[in-house]
């Protein structure tokens, strides 16, 4: 399942190509100072493994969609998952392949991936759709649902607005991004066959401007 890359997606890819080396250096150790984020990703990995052991989602691979320079793909591998990475930015994929030559990384559009339905046991989408317009985000969530096997898990990481506020754009350092209410994303997920397992809202750490939302979902 492929489609032409839109102008908006190409602009986002170009913006990340331009800062890829600096981005990789800045975020390579991003989990080191965030035990809450490490615990959230570990819970996702445990959920994927437990579902596989129970036969609910088989033992398929796990995709890190919007993988950037690959540090979280490698982290998923270290947690025992059969992980591979996909990113729209060719420069990011080049850096990921250089840093982790033992892992698979592909350039691709996460709204239309050339993978069979139900072929993944898990998907990590860690700040992967923050630059997508609100009208486009449902296609990201729907594609994740298509790719997951029944019982497979999806973990979303995103910027969250203040309680009660709607989807809110902001001036991200790379290109315009959006903050999403967790209730809106959870409701969107239910329309494509996903169910909520857990959610967290982490308050801004030092150097961060906004709250950080996490939503763990399971394919019904």
N, C-alpha and C. Protein backbone atom coordinates (compact mmCIF):
# COMPACT_ATOMS: atom_id res chain seq x y z
N UNK A 1 0.86 -1.18 0.00
CA UNK A 1 0.00 0.00 0.00
C UNK A 1 0.90 1.23 0.00
N UNK A 2 0.98 1.93 -1.10
CA UNK A 2 1.81 3.12 -1.20
C UNK A 2 1.00 4.24 -1.82
N UNK A 3 1.49 5.46 -1.66
CA UNK A 3 0.84 6.61 -2.26
C UNK A 3 1.89 7.69 -2.45
N UNK A 4 1.65 8.65 -3.36
CA UNK A 4 2.61 9.72 -3.53
C UNK A 4 2.76 10.53 -2.25
N UNK A 5 3.99 10.96 -1.96
CA UNK A 5 4.25 11.77 -0.78
C UNK A 5 3.68 13.17 -1.02
N UNK A 6 2.86 13.65 -0.11
CA UNK A 6 2.24 14.96 -0.26
C UNK A 6 3.26 16.08 -0.05
N UNK A 7 2.87 17.28 -0.46
CA UNK A 7 3.75 18.44 -0.28
C UNK A 7 4.05 18.68 1.20
N UNK A 8 3.03 18.47 2.05
CA UNK A 8 3.25 18.69 3.48
C UNK A 8 4.22 17.67 4.06
N UNK A 9 4.09 16.41 3.66
CA UNK A 9 5.02 15.39 4.13
C UNK A 9 6.43 15.64 3.62
N UNK A 10 6.55 16.07 2.35
CA UNK A 10 7.87 16.35 1.81
C UNK A 10 8.52 17.51 2.55
N UNK A 11 7.73 18.54 2.88
CA UNK A 11 8.28 19.68 3.62
C UNK A 11 8.77 19.24 5.00
N UNK A 12 8.03 18.35 5.64
CA UNK A 12 8.45 17.85 6.95
C UNK A 12 9.73 17.04 6.84
N UNK A 13 9.81 16.17 5.83
CA UNK A 13 11.02 15.39 5.61
C UNK A 13 12.22 16.29 5.35
N UNK A 14 12.03 17.30 4.52
CA UNK A 14 13.13 18.22 4.22
C UNK A 14 13.59 18.96 5.47
N UNK A 15 12.63 19.35 6.31
CA UNK A 15 12.98 20.07 7.54
C UNK A 15 13.82 19.19 8.46
N UNK A 16 13.47 17.91 8.56
CA UNK A 16 14.25 17.01 9.41
C UNK A 16 15.57 16.62 8.76
N UNK A 17 15.61 16.51 7.45
CA UNK A 17 16.89 16.28 6.78
C UNK A 17 17.89 17.37 7.15
N UNK A 18 17.41 18.61 7.21
CA UNK A 18 18.29 19.75 7.45
C UNK A 18 18.88 19.76 8.86
N UNK A 19 18.20 19.13 9.82
CA UNK A 19 18.69 19.17 11.21
C UNK A 19 19.05 17.78 11.72
N UNK A 20 19.15 16.80 10.84
CA UNK A 20 19.27 15.40 11.27
C UNK A 20 20.45 15.17 12.21
N UNK A 21 21.62 15.68 11.86
CA UNK A 21 22.81 15.43 12.69
C UNK A 21 22.65 16.04 14.07
N UNK A 22 22.17 17.28 14.14
CA UNK A 22 21.97 17.93 15.44
C UNK A 22 20.88 17.23 16.24
N UNK A 23 19.83 16.82 15.57
CA UNK A 23 18.73 16.12 16.24
C UNK A 23 19.23 14.82 16.86
N UNK A 24 20.00 14.07 16.10
CA UNK A 24 20.50 12.78 16.58
C UNK A 24 21.37 12.97 17.83
N UNK A 25 22.22 13.98 17.82
CA UNK A 25 23.08 14.24 18.97
C UNK A 25 22.27 14.67 20.19
N UNK A 26 21.21 15.44 19.96
CA UNK A 26 20.40 15.97 21.06
C UNK A 26 19.56 14.90 21.73
N UNK A 27 19.01 13.97 20.93
CA UNK A 27 18.04 13.02 21.47
C UNK A 27 18.58 11.61 21.65
N UNK A 28 19.85 11.40 21.36
CA UNK A 28 20.40 10.04 21.45
C UNK A 28 20.22 9.45 22.85
N UNK A 29 20.35 10.27 23.89
CA UNK A 29 20.22 9.79 25.27
C UNK A 29 18.96 10.34 25.93
N UNK A 30 17.92 10.56 25.14
CA UNK A 30 16.71 11.22 25.66
C UNK A 30 16.02 10.44 26.77
N UNK A 31 16.16 9.12 26.80
CA UNK A 31 15.51 8.33 27.84
C UNK A 31 16.31 8.29 29.14
N UNK A 32 17.57 8.69 29.08
CA UNK A 32 18.44 8.55 30.25
C UNK A 32 17.92 9.32 31.46
N UNK A 33 17.36 10.51 31.23
CA UNK A 33 16.90 11.32 32.34
C UNK A 33 15.41 11.27 32.56
N UNK A 34 14.73 10.27 31.99
CA UNK A 34 13.27 10.20 32.10
C UNK A 34 12.81 8.80 32.48
N UNK A 35 12.83 8.49 33.78
CA UNK A 35 12.39 7.16 34.20
C UNK A 35 10.94 6.87 33.87
N UNK A 36 10.09 7.90 33.83
CA UNK A 36 8.68 7.69 33.48
C UNK A 36 8.55 7.21 32.04
N UNK A 37 9.29 7.84 31.14
CA UNK A 37 9.25 7.42 29.73
C UNK A 37 9.83 6.03 29.56
N UNK A 38 10.92 5.74 30.26
CA UNK A 38 11.49 4.38 30.16
C UNK A 38 10.49 3.35 30.64
N UNK A 39 9.80 3.65 31.73
CA UNK A 39 8.82 2.71 32.27
C UNK A 39 7.65 2.53 31.31
N UNK A 40 7.23 3.61 30.66
CA UNK A 40 6.11 3.53 29.72
C UNK A 40 6.47 2.65 28.52
N UNK A 41 7.66 2.85 27.97
CA UNK A 41 8.09 2.03 26.83
C UNK A 41 8.32 0.59 27.26
N UNK A 42 8.83 0.39 28.47
CA UNK A 42 9.01 -0.97 28.97
C UNK A 42 7.66 -1.67 29.13
N UNK A 43 6.64 -0.94 29.58
CA UNK A 43 5.30 -1.52 29.72
C UNK A 43 4.75 -1.90 28.35
N UNK A 44 5.00 -1.07 27.35
CA UNK A 44 4.60 -1.41 25.98
C UNK A 44 5.29 -2.70 25.53
N UNK A 45 6.60 -2.80 25.75
CA UNK A 45 7.34 -4.00 25.34
C UNK A 45 6.81 -5.24 26.06
N UNK A 46 6.53 -5.10 27.36
CA UNK A 46 5.97 -6.23 28.11
C UNK A 46 4.61 -6.64 27.55
N UNK A 47 3.79 -5.66 27.20
CA UNK A 47 2.46 -5.95 26.65
C UNK A 47 2.56 -6.70 25.33
N UNK A 48 3.50 -6.28 24.48
CA UNK A 48 3.70 -6.95 23.19
C UNK A 48 4.15 -8.40 23.41
N UNK A 49 5.11 -8.59 24.31
CA UNK A 49 5.62 -9.94 24.57
C UNK A 49 4.54 -10.82 25.18
N UNK A 50 3.78 -10.28 26.14
CA UNK A 50 2.74 -11.08 26.79
C UNK A 50 1.66 -11.49 25.79
N UNK A 51 1.28 -10.56 24.89
CA UNK A 51 0.28 -10.90 23.88
C UNK A 51 0.79 -11.97 22.95
N UNK A 52 2.08 -11.89 22.59
CA UNK A 52 2.67 -12.90 21.73
C UNK A 52 2.72 -14.26 22.41
N UNK A 53 3.08 -14.27 23.70
CA UNK A 53 3.16 -15.54 24.44
C UNK A 53 1.78 -16.18 24.57
N UNK A 54 0.74 -15.34 24.64
CA UNK A 54 -0.62 -15.86 24.76
C UNK A 54 -1.23 -16.22 23.41
N UNK A 55 -0.50 -15.93 22.33
CA UNK A 55 -1.00 -16.24 21.00
C UNK A 55 -1.94 -15.21 20.44
N UNK A 56 -2.13 -14.09 21.18
CA UNK A 56 -3.10 -13.09 20.73
C UNK A 56 -2.60 -12.32 19.52
N UNK A 57 -1.30 -12.05 19.46
CA UNK A 57 -0.76 -11.25 18.36
C UNK A 57 0.39 -11.96 17.67
N UNK A 58 0.53 -13.25 17.90
CA UNK A 58 1.63 -13.97 17.28
C UNK A 58 2.97 -13.47 17.79
N UNK A 59 4.00 -13.68 17.01
CA UNK A 59 5.35 -13.23 17.38
C UNK A 59 5.92 -12.38 16.26
N UNK A 60 5.09 -11.52 15.71
CA UNK A 60 5.51 -10.69 14.59
C UNK A 60 6.43 -9.56 14.99
N UNK A 61 6.93 -8.83 14.01
CA UNK A 61 7.84 -7.73 14.29
C UNK A 61 7.13 -6.52 14.89
N UNK A 62 7.95 -5.60 15.38
CA UNK A 62 7.46 -4.36 15.98
C UNK A 62 8.07 -3.20 15.22
N UNK A 63 7.23 -2.25 14.80
CA UNK A 63 7.69 -1.11 14.01
C UNK A 63 7.83 0.12 14.89
N UNK A 64 8.96 0.80 14.76
CA UNK A 64 9.17 2.12 15.34
C UNK A 64 8.92 3.11 14.21
N UNK A 65 7.69 3.66 14.16
CA UNK A 65 7.31 4.53 13.06
C UNK A 65 7.66 5.98 13.40
N UNK A 66 8.37 6.62 12.47
CA UNK A 66 8.94 7.93 12.77
C UNK A 66 10.16 7.76 13.65
N UNK A 67 11.01 6.83 13.28
CA UNK A 67 12.11 6.38 14.15
C UNK A 67 13.24 7.37 14.28
N UNK A 68 13.30 8.38 13.41
CA UNK A 68 14.41 9.33 13.49
C UNK A 68 15.75 8.62 13.36
N UNK A 69 16.72 8.96 14.22
CA UNK A 69 18.05 8.37 14.12
C UNK A 69 18.17 6.98 14.73
N UNK A 70 17.05 6.37 15.12
CA UNK A 70 17.05 4.95 15.46
C UNK A 70 17.31 4.59 16.91
N UNK A 71 17.46 5.57 17.80
CA UNK A 71 17.82 5.24 19.18
C UNK A 71 16.71 4.47 19.90
N UNK A 72 15.46 4.79 19.60
CA UNK A 72 14.38 4.04 20.25
C UNK A 72 14.16 2.67 19.62
N UNK A 73 14.44 2.55 18.33
CA UNK A 73 14.40 1.22 17.70
C UNK A 73 15.39 0.30 18.39
N UNK A 74 16.60 0.81 18.63
CA UNK A 74 17.61 0.01 19.33
C UNK A 74 17.17 -0.30 20.75
N UNK A 75 16.51 0.65 21.40
CA UNK A 75 16.02 0.42 22.76
C UNK A 75 14.97 -0.70 22.77
N UNK A 76 14.08 -0.69 21.80
CA UNK A 76 13.10 -1.77 21.70
C UNK A 76 13.78 -3.11 21.49
N UNK A 77 14.81 -3.14 20.65
CA UNK A 77 15.58 -4.38 20.46
C UNK A 77 16.18 -4.84 21.78
N UNK A 78 16.73 -3.89 22.55
CA UNK A 78 17.33 -4.24 23.83
C UNK A 78 16.29 -4.75 24.84
N UNK A 79 15.03 -4.38 24.64
CA UNK A 79 13.94 -4.87 25.49
C UNK A 79 13.40 -6.21 25.01
N UNK A 80 14.03 -6.78 23.98
CA UNK A 80 13.67 -8.12 23.54
C UNK A 80 12.69 -8.20 22.39
N UNK A 81 12.45 -7.07 21.70
CA UNK A 81 11.50 -7.07 20.60
C UNK A 81 12.22 -7.16 19.25
N UNK A 82 11.54 -7.73 18.28
CA UNK A 82 12.05 -7.82 16.91
C UNK A 82 11.69 -6.51 16.20
N UNK A 83 12.49 -5.47 16.44
CA UNK A 83 12.12 -4.11 16.04
C UNK A 83 12.81 -3.68 14.76
N UNK A 84 12.09 -2.86 13.99
CA UNK A 84 12.68 -2.18 12.84
C UNK A 84 12.12 -0.77 12.80
N UNK A 85 12.80 0.14 12.07
CA UNK A 85 12.41 1.54 12.06
C UNK A 85 12.03 2.04 10.69
N UNK A 86 11.10 3.00 10.66
CA UNK A 86 10.66 3.66 9.43
C UNK A 86 10.62 5.16 9.69
N UNK A 87 11.13 5.94 8.74
CA UNK A 87 11.05 7.39 8.87
C UNK A 87 10.95 8.01 7.49
N UNK A 88 10.30 9.17 7.43
CA UNK A 88 10.12 9.88 6.16
C UNK A 88 11.40 10.57 5.71
N UNK A 89 12.30 10.84 6.65
CA UNK A 89 13.52 11.60 6.36
C UNK A 89 14.67 10.68 5.94
N UNK A 90 15.14 10.76 4.71
CA UNK A 90 16.27 9.93 4.29
C UNK A 90 17.53 10.18 5.12
N UNK A 91 17.75 11.44 5.53
CA UNK A 91 18.95 11.74 6.32
C UNK A 91 18.88 11.04 7.68
N UNK A 92 17.70 11.01 8.27
CA UNK A 92 17.55 10.31 9.54
C UNK A 92 17.82 8.82 9.38
N UNK A 93 17.29 8.23 8.31
CA UNK A 93 17.51 6.81 8.08
C UNK A 93 18.99 6.51 7.85
N UNK A 94 19.68 7.38 7.14
CA UNK A 94 21.13 7.19 6.95
C UNK A 94 21.85 7.16 8.30
N UNK A 95 21.50 8.08 9.19
CA UNK A 95 22.13 8.12 10.51
C UNK A 95 21.79 6.87 11.32
N UNK A 96 20.54 6.42 11.23
CA UNK A 96 20.13 5.22 11.96
C UNK A 96 20.88 3.99 11.47
N UNK A 97 21.02 3.85 10.17
CA UNK A 97 21.74 2.70 9.62
C UNK A 97 23.21 2.73 10.00
N UNK A 98 23.78 3.92 10.07
CA UNK A 98 25.18 4.04 10.46
C UNK A 98 25.39 3.69 11.93
N UNK A 99 24.47 4.16 12.78
CA UNK A 99 24.60 3.94 14.22
C UNK A 99 24.26 2.51 14.63
N UNK A 100 23.31 1.89 13.92
CA UNK A 100 22.82 0.56 14.31
C UNK A 100 22.76 -0.33 13.06
N UNK A 101 23.92 -0.74 12.56
CA UNK A 101 23.95 -1.50 11.29
C UNK A 101 23.31 -2.88 11.38
N UNK A 102 23.05 -3.35 12.60
CA UNK A 102 22.43 -4.66 12.77
C UNK A 102 20.91 -4.61 12.72
N UNK A 103 20.35 -3.40 12.62
CA UNK A 103 18.90 -3.26 12.59
C UNK A 103 18.43 -2.81 11.22
N UNK A 104 17.17 -3.05 10.94
CA UNK A 104 16.57 -2.66 9.67
C UNK A 104 15.92 -1.27 9.79
N UNK A 105 16.22 -0.41 8.83
CA UNK A 105 15.62 0.92 8.77
C UNK A 105 15.22 1.22 7.33
N UNK A 106 13.99 1.73 7.15
CA UNK A 106 13.46 2.02 5.82
C UNK A 106 12.93 3.44 5.76
N UNK A 107 13.10 4.08 4.61
CA UNK A 107 12.43 5.34 4.34
C UNK A 107 10.99 5.03 3.96
N UNK A 108 10.03 5.70 4.60
CA UNK A 108 8.63 5.41 4.28
C UNK A 108 7.68 6.39 4.90
N UNK A 109 6.47 6.43 4.36
CA UNK A 109 5.37 7.26 4.83
C UNK A 109 4.51 6.40 5.76
N UNK A 110 4.44 6.74 7.04
CA UNK A 110 3.76 5.89 8.00
C UNK A 110 2.24 5.88 7.84
N UNK A 111 1.70 6.68 6.91
CA UNK A 111 0.27 6.60 6.64
C UNK A 111 -0.04 5.62 5.51
N UNK A 112 0.99 5.05 4.87
CA UNK A 112 0.75 4.13 3.76
C UNK A 112 1.98 3.24 3.59
N UNK A 113 2.11 2.25 4.44
CA UNK A 113 3.29 1.39 4.42
C UNK A 113 3.04 0.11 3.62
N UNK A 114 4.03 -0.35 2.87
CA UNK A 114 3.87 -1.55 2.04
C UNK A 114 4.00 -2.84 2.85
N UNK A 115 3.13 -2.98 3.85
CA UNK A 115 3.12 -4.15 4.72
C UNK A 115 1.72 -4.75 4.73
N UNK A 116 1.61 -6.07 4.88
CA UNK A 116 0.29 -6.70 4.88
C UNK A 116 -0.53 -6.32 6.12
N UNK A 117 -1.84 -6.41 5.99
CA UNK A 117 -2.73 -6.21 7.13
C UNK A 117 -2.36 -7.19 8.25
N UNK A 118 -2.38 -6.69 9.48
CA UNK A 118 -2.18 -7.56 10.63
C UNK A 118 -0.80 -8.17 10.74
N UNK A 119 0.21 -7.53 10.15
CA UNK A 119 1.54 -8.14 10.11
C UNK A 119 2.44 -7.75 11.28
N UNK A 120 2.00 -6.83 12.13
CA UNK A 120 2.84 -6.35 13.23
C UNK A 120 2.25 -6.73 14.58
N UNK A 121 3.14 -7.07 15.51
CA UNK A 121 2.71 -7.32 16.89
C UNK A 121 2.66 -6.05 17.71
N UNK A 122 3.41 -5.03 17.28
CA UNK A 122 3.43 -3.79 18.03
C UNK A 122 3.90 -2.64 17.17
N UNK A 123 3.50 -1.43 17.55
CA UNK A 123 3.93 -0.20 16.88
C UNK A 123 4.23 0.84 17.94
N UNK A 124 5.40 1.42 17.86
CA UNK A 124 5.75 2.60 18.65
C UNK A 124 5.68 3.80 17.73
N UNK A 125 4.85 4.77 18.08
CA UNK A 125 4.74 6.03 17.33
C UNK A 125 5.02 7.16 18.32
N UNK A 126 6.29 7.41 18.54
CA UNK A 126 6.76 8.32 19.59
C UNK A 126 6.98 9.70 18.98
N UNK A 127 6.00 10.58 19.15
CA UNK A 127 6.03 11.92 18.56
C UNK A 127 6.13 11.85 17.03
N UNK A 128 5.48 10.84 16.47
CA UNK A 128 5.64 10.57 15.05
C UNK A 128 4.66 11.33 14.17
N UNK A 129 3.52 11.74 14.73
CA UNK A 129 2.54 12.44 13.90
C UNK A 129 2.31 13.87 14.39
N UNK A 130 3.22 14.40 15.17
CA UNK A 130 2.99 15.73 15.77
C UNK A 130 2.92 16.84 14.73
N UNK A 131 3.52 16.63 13.56
CA UNK A 131 3.50 17.65 12.51
C UNK A 131 2.34 17.47 11.53
N UNK A 132 1.61 16.37 11.65
CA UNK A 132 0.47 16.15 10.77
C UNK A 132 -0.67 17.09 11.15
N UNK A 133 -1.37 17.58 10.16
CA UNK A 133 -2.52 18.44 10.44
C UNK A 133 -3.61 17.61 11.12
N UNK A 134 -4.48 18.26 11.89
CA UNK A 134 -5.56 17.52 12.55
C UNK A 134 -6.41 16.71 11.57
N UNK A 135 -6.58 17.18 10.34
CA UNK A 135 -7.36 16.42 9.36
C UNK A 135 -6.65 15.15 8.91
N UNK A 136 -5.31 15.13 9.02
CA UNK A 136 -4.54 13.98 8.55
C UNK A 136 -4.29 12.92 9.62
N UNK A 137 -4.36 13.31 10.89
CA UNK A 137 -4.02 12.36 11.96
C UNK A 137 -4.88 11.10 11.94
N UNK A 138 -6.19 11.18 11.64
CA UNK A 138 -6.97 9.93 11.60
C UNK A 138 -6.40 8.89 10.63
N UNK A 139 -5.77 9.32 9.54
CA UNK A 139 -5.20 8.36 8.60
C UNK A 139 -3.98 7.67 9.21
N UNK A 140 -3.23 8.37 10.07
CA UNK A 140 -2.11 7.74 10.76
C UNK A 140 -2.61 6.65 11.71
N UNK A 141 -3.62 6.98 12.50
CA UNK A 141 -4.15 6.02 13.46
C UNK A 141 -4.78 4.83 12.74
N UNK A 142 -5.50 5.09 11.65
CA UNK A 142 -6.11 4.01 10.90
C UNK A 142 -5.06 3.08 10.29
N UNK A 143 -3.96 3.62 9.81
CA UNK A 143 -2.92 2.78 9.24
C UNK A 143 -2.28 1.91 10.31
N UNK A 144 -2.08 2.46 11.50
CA UNK A 144 -1.56 1.65 12.61
C UNK A 144 -2.51 0.50 12.93
N UNK A 145 -3.81 0.79 12.96
CA UNK A 145 -4.79 -0.27 13.24
C UNK A 145 -4.75 -1.35 12.16
N UNK A 146 -4.61 -0.94 10.91
CA UNK A 146 -4.54 -1.90 9.80
C UNK A 146 -3.36 -2.84 9.95
N UNK A 147 -2.24 -2.31 10.37
CA UNK A 147 -1.01 -3.08 10.43
C UNK A 147 -0.96 -4.04 11.62
N UNK A 148 -1.67 -3.72 12.69
CA UNK A 148 -1.58 -4.53 13.90
C UNK A 148 -2.39 -5.82 13.79
N UNK A 149 -1.79 -6.90 14.26
CA UNK A 149 -2.53 -8.15 14.43
C UNK A 149 -3.51 -8.00 15.59
N UNK A 150 -4.60 -8.77 15.61
CA UNK A 150 -5.48 -8.74 16.77
C UNK A 150 -4.70 -9.01 18.06
N UNK A 151 -4.89 -8.16 19.04
CA UNK A 151 -4.14 -8.27 20.29
C UNK A 151 -2.83 -7.50 20.27
N UNK A 152 -2.45 -6.95 19.10
CA UNK A 152 -1.23 -6.16 19.03
C UNK A 152 -1.40 -4.80 19.69
N UNK A 153 -0.27 -4.17 20.04
CA UNK A 153 -0.30 -2.94 20.82
C UNK A 153 0.34 -1.78 20.07
N UNK A 154 -0.22 -0.59 20.32
CA UNK A 154 0.27 0.66 19.78
C UNK A 154 0.53 1.62 20.93
N UNK A 155 1.72 2.20 20.97
CA UNK A 155 2.04 3.22 21.98
C UNK A 155 2.28 4.55 21.26
N UNK A 156 1.46 5.54 21.61
CA UNK A 156 1.60 6.88 21.07
C UNK A 156 2.26 7.78 22.10
N UNK A 157 3.23 8.59 21.63
CA UNK A 157 3.80 9.65 22.45
C UNK A 157 3.57 10.97 21.74
N UNK A 158 3.16 12.00 22.49
CA UNK A 158 2.76 13.25 21.84
C UNK A 158 2.78 14.39 22.85
N UNK A 159 2.72 15.60 22.36
CA UNK A 159 2.59 16.78 23.21
C UNK A 159 1.12 16.96 23.56
N UNK A 160 0.85 17.29 24.81
CA UNK A 160 -0.54 17.45 25.27
C UNK A 160 -0.81 18.90 25.66
N UNK A 161 -2.01 19.41 25.38
CA UNK A 161 -2.38 20.75 25.83
C UNK A 161 -2.85 20.73 27.28
N UNK A 162 -3.13 21.90 27.82
CA UNK A 162 -3.71 21.98 29.15
C UNK A 162 -5.09 21.31 29.14
N UNK A 163 -5.48 20.78 30.30
CA UNK A 163 -6.76 20.09 30.41
C UNK A 163 -7.90 20.98 29.92
N UNK A 164 -8.73 20.41 29.06
CA UNK A 164 -9.88 21.13 28.55
C UNK A 164 -9.61 21.91 27.29
N UNK A 165 -8.35 21.99 26.85
CA UNK A 165 -8.02 22.73 25.64
C UNK A 165 -8.11 21.82 24.42
N UNK A 166 -8.43 22.36 23.26
CA UNK A 166 -8.53 21.56 22.03
C UNK A 166 -7.15 21.31 21.42
N UNK A 167 -7.15 20.65 20.26
CA UNK A 167 -5.90 20.51 19.49
C UNK A 167 -5.30 21.89 19.26
N UNK A 168 -4.01 22.03 19.56
CA UNK A 168 -3.38 23.35 19.56
C UNK A 168 -2.08 23.33 18.79
N UNK A 169 -1.92 24.16 17.75
CA UNK A 169 -0.63 24.24 17.04
C UNK A 169 0.39 25.02 17.87
N UNK A 170 1.65 24.74 17.62
CA UNK A 170 2.70 25.52 18.28
C UNK A 170 3.95 25.55 17.40
N UNK A 171 4.86 26.43 17.76
CA UNK A 171 6.05 26.69 16.94
C UNK A 171 7.18 25.72 17.32
N UNK A 172 7.07 24.49 16.91
CA UNK A 172 8.13 23.49 17.10
C UNK A 172 9.40 23.96 16.41
N UNK A 173 10.56 23.60 16.95
CA UNK A 173 11.82 24.10 16.41
C UNK A 173 12.09 23.63 14.99
N UNK A 174 11.51 22.51 14.59
CA UNK A 174 11.74 22.01 13.23
C UNK A 174 10.69 22.56 12.27
N UNK A 175 9.42 22.34 12.58
CA UNK A 175 8.32 22.86 11.77
C UNK A 175 7.06 22.79 12.62
N UNK A 176 6.01 23.46 12.20
CA UNK A 176 4.78 23.55 13.00
C UNK A 176 4.32 22.18 13.49
N UNK A 177 3.95 22.11 14.76
CA UNK A 177 3.47 20.87 15.36
C UNK A 177 2.19 21.15 16.11
N UNK A 178 1.56 20.07 16.62
CA UNK A 178 0.26 20.17 17.28
C UNK A 178 0.28 19.42 18.61
N UNK A 179 -0.43 19.98 19.58
CA UNK A 179 -0.64 19.33 20.86
C UNK A 179 -2.04 18.73 20.87
N UNK A 180 -2.11 17.44 21.28
CA UNK A 180 -3.37 16.69 21.17
C UNK A 180 -3.92 16.30 22.55
N UNK A 181 -5.21 16.60 22.81
CA UNK A 181 -5.84 16.06 24.03
C UNK A 181 -5.90 14.53 23.96
N UNK A 182 -5.56 13.90 25.05
CA UNK A 182 -5.53 12.44 25.04
C UNK A 182 -6.92 11.86 24.81
N UNK A 183 -7.96 12.53 25.30
CA UNK A 183 -9.33 12.03 25.07
C UNK A 183 -9.66 11.99 23.59
N UNK A 184 -9.21 13.00 22.84
CA UNK A 184 -9.50 13.04 21.40
C UNK A 184 -8.82 11.87 20.68
N UNK A 185 -7.57 11.60 21.03
CA UNK A 185 -6.86 10.50 20.37
C UNK A 185 -7.47 9.15 20.75
N UNK A 186 -7.85 9.00 22.01
CA UNK A 186 -8.45 7.74 22.44
C UNK A 186 -9.78 7.50 21.72
N UNK A 187 -10.58 8.55 21.59
CA UNK A 187 -11.86 8.41 20.88
C UNK A 187 -11.64 8.08 19.42
N UNK A 188 -10.66 8.73 18.80
CA UNK A 188 -10.34 8.46 17.40
C UNK A 188 -9.94 6.99 17.21
N UNK A 189 -9.16 6.48 18.15
CA UNK A 189 -8.67 5.11 18.04
C UNK A 189 -9.80 4.09 18.08
N UNK A 190 -10.83 4.37 18.87
CA UNK A 190 -11.93 3.40 18.97
C UNK A 190 -12.68 3.24 17.66
N UNK A 191 -12.64 4.25 16.80
CA UNK A 191 -13.38 4.18 15.53
C UNK A 191 -12.71 3.25 14.53
N UNK A 192 -11.45 2.88 14.77
CA UNK A 192 -10.74 2.01 13.82
C UNK A 192 -10.35 0.68 14.46
N UNK A 193 -11.04 0.30 15.54
CA UNK A 193 -10.84 -1.02 16.11
C UNK A 193 -9.78 -1.13 17.17
N UNK A 194 -9.38 -0.01 17.75
CA UNK A 194 -8.42 -0.03 18.85
C UNK A 194 -9.13 0.27 20.16
N UNK A 195 -8.60 -0.28 21.24
CA UNK A 195 -9.15 0.00 22.56
C UNK A 195 -8.05 0.49 23.49
N UNK A 196 -8.42 1.38 24.39
CA UNK A 196 -7.43 1.96 25.30
C UNK A 196 -7.06 0.95 26.38
N UNK A 197 -5.74 0.87 26.63
CA UNK A 197 -5.21 0.05 27.72
C UNK A 197 -4.79 0.94 28.89
N UNK A 198 -4.08 2.01 28.58
CA UNK A 198 -3.59 2.89 29.64
C UNK A 198 -3.23 4.24 29.03
N UNK A 199 -3.19 5.26 29.89
CA UNK A 199 -2.75 6.59 29.47
C UNK A 199 -1.97 7.23 30.61
N UNK A 200 -1.03 8.09 30.25
CA UNK A 200 -0.31 8.87 31.24
C UNK A 200 -0.14 10.29 30.70
N UNK A 201 0.02 11.22 31.63
CA UNK A 201 0.36 12.60 31.29
C UNK A 201 1.52 13.00 32.17
N UNK A 202 2.68 13.19 31.52
CA UNK A 202 3.87 13.60 32.27
C UNK A 202 4.01 15.11 32.22
N UNK A 203 4.25 15.70 33.36
CA UNK A 203 4.44 17.14 33.41
C UNK A 203 5.76 17.53 32.73
N UNK A 204 5.88 18.76 32.24
CA UNK A 204 7.11 19.16 31.55
C UNK A 204 8.34 19.03 32.44
N UNK A 205 9.37 18.42 31.91
CA UNK A 205 10.66 18.36 32.60
C UNK A 205 11.43 19.64 32.32
N UNK A 206 12.57 19.77 32.93
CA UNK A 206 13.40 20.95 32.71
C UNK A 206 13.74 21.07 31.22
N UNK A 207 13.51 22.24 30.68
CA UNK A 207 13.79 22.47 29.26
C UNK A 207 12.63 22.14 28.35
N UNK A 208 11.54 21.59 28.89
CA UNK A 208 10.35 21.28 28.10
C UNK A 208 9.28 22.34 28.33
N UNK A 209 8.51 22.63 27.29
CA UNK A 209 7.47 23.65 27.40
C UNK A 209 6.11 23.09 27.75
N UNK A 210 5.85 21.84 27.39
CA UNK A 210 4.49 21.32 27.46
C UNK A 210 4.44 19.97 28.17
N UNK A 211 3.22 19.61 28.58
CA UNK A 211 2.99 18.27 29.08
C UNK A 211 3.17 17.24 27.98
N UNK A 212 3.46 16.01 28.39
CA UNK A 212 3.76 14.94 27.44
C UNK A 212 2.75 13.80 27.64
N UNK A 213 1.96 13.53 26.60
CA UNK A 213 0.95 12.49 26.69
C UNK A 213 1.45 11.16 26.16
N UNK A 214 0.96 10.08 26.75
CA UNK A 214 1.25 8.71 26.28
C UNK A 214 -0.06 7.92 26.31
N UNK A 215 -0.31 7.20 25.24
CA UNK A 215 -1.55 6.44 25.12
C UNK A 215 -1.21 5.05 24.60
N UNK A 216 -1.52 4.03 25.42
CA UNK A 216 -1.29 2.64 25.03
C UNK A 216 -2.62 2.04 24.58
N UNK A 217 -2.62 1.48 23.36
CA UNK A 217 -3.82 0.96 22.74
C UNK A 217 -3.61 -0.49 22.31
N UNK A 218 -4.70 -1.22 22.19
CA UNK A 218 -4.65 -2.61 21.76
C UNK A 218 -5.63 -2.85 20.63
N UNK A 219 -5.22 -3.66 19.64
CA UNK A 219 -6.11 -4.00 18.52
C UNK A 219 -7.12 -5.02 18.97
N UNK A 220 -8.39 -4.70 18.80
CA UNK A 220 -9.46 -5.63 19.21
C UNK A 220 -9.48 -6.84 18.28
